């Protein structure tokens, strides 16, 4: 069975965005882009909530073709174009989007169908609301967190409305980057 891994930037106090969804505090640079690119390059499925999907869709399809495009933009744009996108959204229902599946109802059943298909791990990028929905259905198998050296004090928390305790195991792939960001990888062992 394929696993869903939630990929998030996070503040030290557990927020994945500011109160209005802002991410201007997240530290990204070439070292981090290279590391992420190496992990996702063989991935074949990306999972998004509607807001994150619309943000990605407005930039990545043509990012690699811009005259000032850097290596990261070129590589990620190619990956984004070929990866199958799954979007959790009630408002995009019925939209005909290339290489994209919209799930607007029956989330647990449809996500489990996708998890049972052949393929690599399914990466859930950003998308706090989608993450909260999938946590509530016990559908997340791991967390790939980039903890930024900042305390926001307020914002959208990664773990919101958790009803069941989740037992996690820290995987050995933990790393600190020169910009102060620490990567933590957790496997979900069980929810109680």
Protein backbone atom coordinates (compact mmCIF):
# COMPACT_ATOMS: atom_id res chain seq x y z
CA UNK A 1 0.00 0.00 0.00
CA UNK A 2 1.26 3.47 -0.88
CA UNK A 3 1.87 5.92 1.94
CA UNK A 4 0.75 9.52 2.29
CA UNK A 5 3.52 11.74 3.61
CA UNK A 6 2.59 15.26 4.75
CA UNK A 7 5.30 17.74 3.71
CA UNK A 8 5.24 21.02 5.63
CA UNK A 9 7.31 23.97 6.70
CA UNK A 10 6.58 24.57 10.36
CA UNK A 11 7.50 27.13 13.00
CA UNK A 12 9.08 25.94 16.22
CA UNK A 13 5.74 26.52 17.96
CA UNK A 14 3.87 24.26 15.52
CA UNK A 15 2.31 26.66 13.00
CA UNK A 16 2.40 25.90 9.27
CA UNK A 17 1.39 29.40 8.22
CA UNK A 18 0.60 32.76 9.71
CA UNK A 19 -2.99 33.71 10.62
CA UNK A 20 -3.76 34.71 7.01
CA UNK A 21 -1.97 31.79 5.37
CA UNK A 22 1.34 33.64 4.94
CA UNK A 23 4.56 31.68 4.53
CA UNK A 24 7.00 34.58 4.18
CA UNK A 25 8.76 33.36 7.32
CA UNK A 26 9.73 29.94 5.86
CA UNK A 27 13.42 29.77 4.98
CA UNK A 28 14.18 28.28 1.58
CA UNK A 29 17.40 28.28 -0.38
CA UNK A 30 19.26 26.20 -2.98
CA UNK A 31 20.50 23.67 -0.40
CA UNK A 32 16.94 23.00 0.74
CA UNK A 33 15.56 23.01 -2.83
CA UNK A 34 18.19 20.45 -3.90
CA UNK A 35 17.40 18.19 -0.96
CA UNK A 36 13.64 18.31 -1.55
CA UNK A 37 14.12 17.86 -5.30
CA UNK A 38 16.17 14.71 -4.74
CA UNK A 39 13.48 13.18 -2.56
CA UNK A 40 10.50 13.99 -4.77
CA UNK A 41 12.05 13.44 -8.22
CA UNK A 42 10.75 9.87 -8.44
CA UNK A 43 7.39 10.71 -6.91
CA UNK A 44 4.38 10.23 -9.13
CA UNK A 45 1.51 11.67 -7.07
CA UNK A 46 1.11 15.02 -5.33
CA UNK A 47 -1.83 15.70 -3.04
CA UNK A 48 -3.07 19.23 -2.36
CA UNK A 49 -5.91 21.14 -0.79
CA UNK A 50 -7.62 23.59 -3.15
CA UNK A 51 -5.81 26.73 -1.95
CA UNK A 52 -2.34 25.20 -2.24
CA UNK A 53 -3.24 23.60 -5.58
CA UNK A 54 -4.39 26.93 -7.03
CA UNK A 55 -1.19 28.58 -5.80
CA UNK A 56 0.94 25.80 -7.36
CA UNK A 57 -1.06 25.77 -10.59
CA UNK A 58 -0.65 29.53 -11.02
CA UNK A 59 3.15 29.24 -10.96
CA UNK A 60 4.68 25.83 -11.72
CA UNK A 61 3.31 24.90 -15.16
CA UNK A 62 5.30 27.71 -16.83
CA UNK A 63 7.96 28.51 -14.20
CA UNK A 64 10.69 26.57 -16.00
CA UNK A 65 10.10 28.43 -19.28
CA UNK A 66 10.68 31.94 -17.93
CA UNK A 67 13.87 33.67 -19.14
CA UNK A 68 15.24 34.03 -15.59
CA UNK A 69 14.29 30.51 -14.46
CA UNK A 70 16.87 28.91 -12.20
CA UNK A 71 17.73 25.22 -12.04
CA UNK A 72 15.21 24.58 -9.26
CA UNK A 73 12.35 26.22 -11.18
CA UNK A 74 13.20 24.29 -14.34
CA UNK A 75 13.45 20.91 -12.58
CA UNK A 76 10.40 21.39 -10.36
CA UNK A 77 8.32 22.69 -13.26
CA UNK A 78 9.11 19.51 -15.24
CA UNK A 79 8.25 17.35 -12.24
CA UNK A 80 5.02 19.25 -11.58
CA UNK A 81 3.94 18.83 -15.20
CA UNK A 82 4.33 15.05 -15.16
CA UNK A 83 3.17 14.21 -11.62
CA UNK A 84 -0.45 13.19 -11.08
CA UNK A 85 -2.18 15.76 -8.90
CA UNK A 86 -4.96 14.88 -6.44
CA UNK A 87 -6.91 17.83 -5.04
CA UNK A 88 -9.29 17.78 -2.09
CA UNK A 89 -11.92 20.43 -2.87
CA UNK A 90 -15.63 20.95 -2.77
CA UNK A 91 -15.51 24.03 -5.03
CA UNK A 92 -13.43 22.53 -7.89
CA UNK A 93 -15.94 19.71 -8.29
CA UNK A 94 -16.54 18.85 -11.93
CA UNK A 95 -13.55 20.82 -13.20
CA UNK A 96 -11.73 19.20 -16.12
CA UNK A 97 -8.05 19.65 -15.29
CA UNK A 98 -5.21 17.78 -17.02
CA UNK A 99 -3.48 15.02 -15.05
CA UNK A 100 -5.59 15.96 -12.01
CA UNK A 101 -8.15 14.14 -9.90
CA UNK A 102 -10.56 16.21 -7.81
CA UNK A 103 -11.99 14.58 -4.69
CA UNK A 104 -14.98 16.44 -3.29
CA UNK A 105 -16.77 13.71 -1.35
CA UNK A 106 -16.06 10.25 -0.01
CA UNK A 107 -12.53 11.33 0.87
CA UNK A 108 -11.55 8.28 2.93
CA UNK A 109 -12.80 5.77 0.34
CA UNK A 110 -11.25 7.58 -2.64
CA UNK A 111 -7.93 8.23 -0.92
CA UNK A 112 -7.73 4.56 0.09
CA UNK A 113 -8.37 3.59 -3.55
CA UNK A 114 -5.43 5.78 -4.60
CA UNK A 115 -3.25 4.36 -1.82
CA UNK A 116 -4.00 0.86 -3.13
CA UNK A 117 -2.85 1.70 -6.69
CA UNK A 118 0.66 0.97 -7.91
CA UNK A 119 3.10 3.83 -7.44
CA UNK A 120 5.41 5.73 -5.15
CA UNK A 121 4.58 7.53 -1.92
CA UNK A 122 1.94 10.24 -2.17
CA UNK A 123 3.25 13.62 -1.07
CA UNK A 124 0.78 15.98 0.57
CA UNK A 125 2.26 19.44 0.00
CA UNK A 126 1.33 22.18 2.47
CA UNK A 127 -2.45 22.29 2.60
CA UNK A 128 -3.22 22.54 6.33
CA UNK A 129 -6.99 22.04 5.91
CA UNK A 130 -6.46 18.94 3.76
CA UNK A 131 -3.93 17.64 6.28
CA UNK A 132 -6.42 18.15 9.12
CA UNK A 133 -9.08 16.25 7.13
CA UNK A 134 -6.74 13.35 6.39
CA UNK A 135 -5.50 13.18 10.00
CA UNK A 136 -9.13 12.92 11.14
CA UNK A 137 -9.57 9.92 8.83
CA UNK A 138 -6.25 8.29 9.92
CA UNK A 139 -4.96 8.50 6.34
CA UNK A 140 -1.56 10.12 6.92
CA UNK A 141 1.33 7.69 7.18
CA UNK A 142 4.14 10.11 7.88
CA UNK A 143 5.22 13.68 8.39
CA UNK A 144 8.14 15.29 6.55
CA UNK A 145 8.64 18.49 8.50
CA UNK A 146 10.99 21.40 7.97
CA UNK A 147 11.11 23.17 11.32
CA UNK A 148 12.07 26.81 10.86
CA UNK A 149 13.94 28.70 13.59
CA UNK A 150 11.08 31.07 14.35
CA UNK A 151 8.25 31.33 16.86
CA UNK A 152 5.14 32.81 15.25
CA UNK A 153 2.91 32.94 18.32
CA UNK A 154 -0.20 32.57 16.17
CA UNK A 155 -1.27 31.09 12.88
CA UNK A 156 -2.63 27.85 11.48
CA UNK A 157 -1.36 24.89 13.53
CA UNK A 158 -0.23 21.66 11.89
CA UNK A 159 -2.07 19.55 14.42
CA UNK A 160 -5.54 20.99 14.81
CA UNK A 161 -8.58 19.22 16.21
CA UNK A 162 -6.73 15.98 16.88
CA UNK A 163 -9.18 13.56 18.45
CA UNK A 164 -6.91 10.54 18.70
CA UNK A 165 -3.40 10.23 20.02
CA UNK A 166 -0.89 9.50 17.22
CA UNK A 167 2.18 7.40 17.99
CA UNK A 168 5.13 8.41 15.84
CA UNK A 169 8.64 7.14 15.21
CA UNK A 170 11.45 9.52 14.25
CA UNK A 171 13.19 8.18 11.15
CA UNK A 172 16.97 8.44 10.79
CA UNK A 173 16.66 10.91 7.90
CA UNK A 174 17.00 13.99 10.11
CA UNK A 175 19.13 16.89 8.99
CA UNK A 176 19.97 20.47 9.86
CA UNK A 177 20.50 22.89 6.99
CA UNK A 178 22.88 25.84 6.95
CA UNK A 179 19.94 28.28 7.02
CA UNK A 180 18.90 26.92 10.46
CA UNK A 181 16.00 24.77 9.24
CA UNK A 182 15.84 21.26 10.72
CA UNK A 183 14.28 18.40 8.78
CA UNK A 184 12.35 15.84 10.81
CA UNK A 185 10.80 12.70 9.32
CA UNK A 186 8.21 10.81 11.31
CA UNK A 187 6.41 7.58 10.55
CA UNK A 188 2.90 7.24 11.99
CA UNK A 189 2.82 3.99 13.94
CA UNK A 190 -0.78 4.10 15.12
CA UNK A 191 -3.64 6.33 16.08
CA UNK A 192 -5.50 5.61 19.31
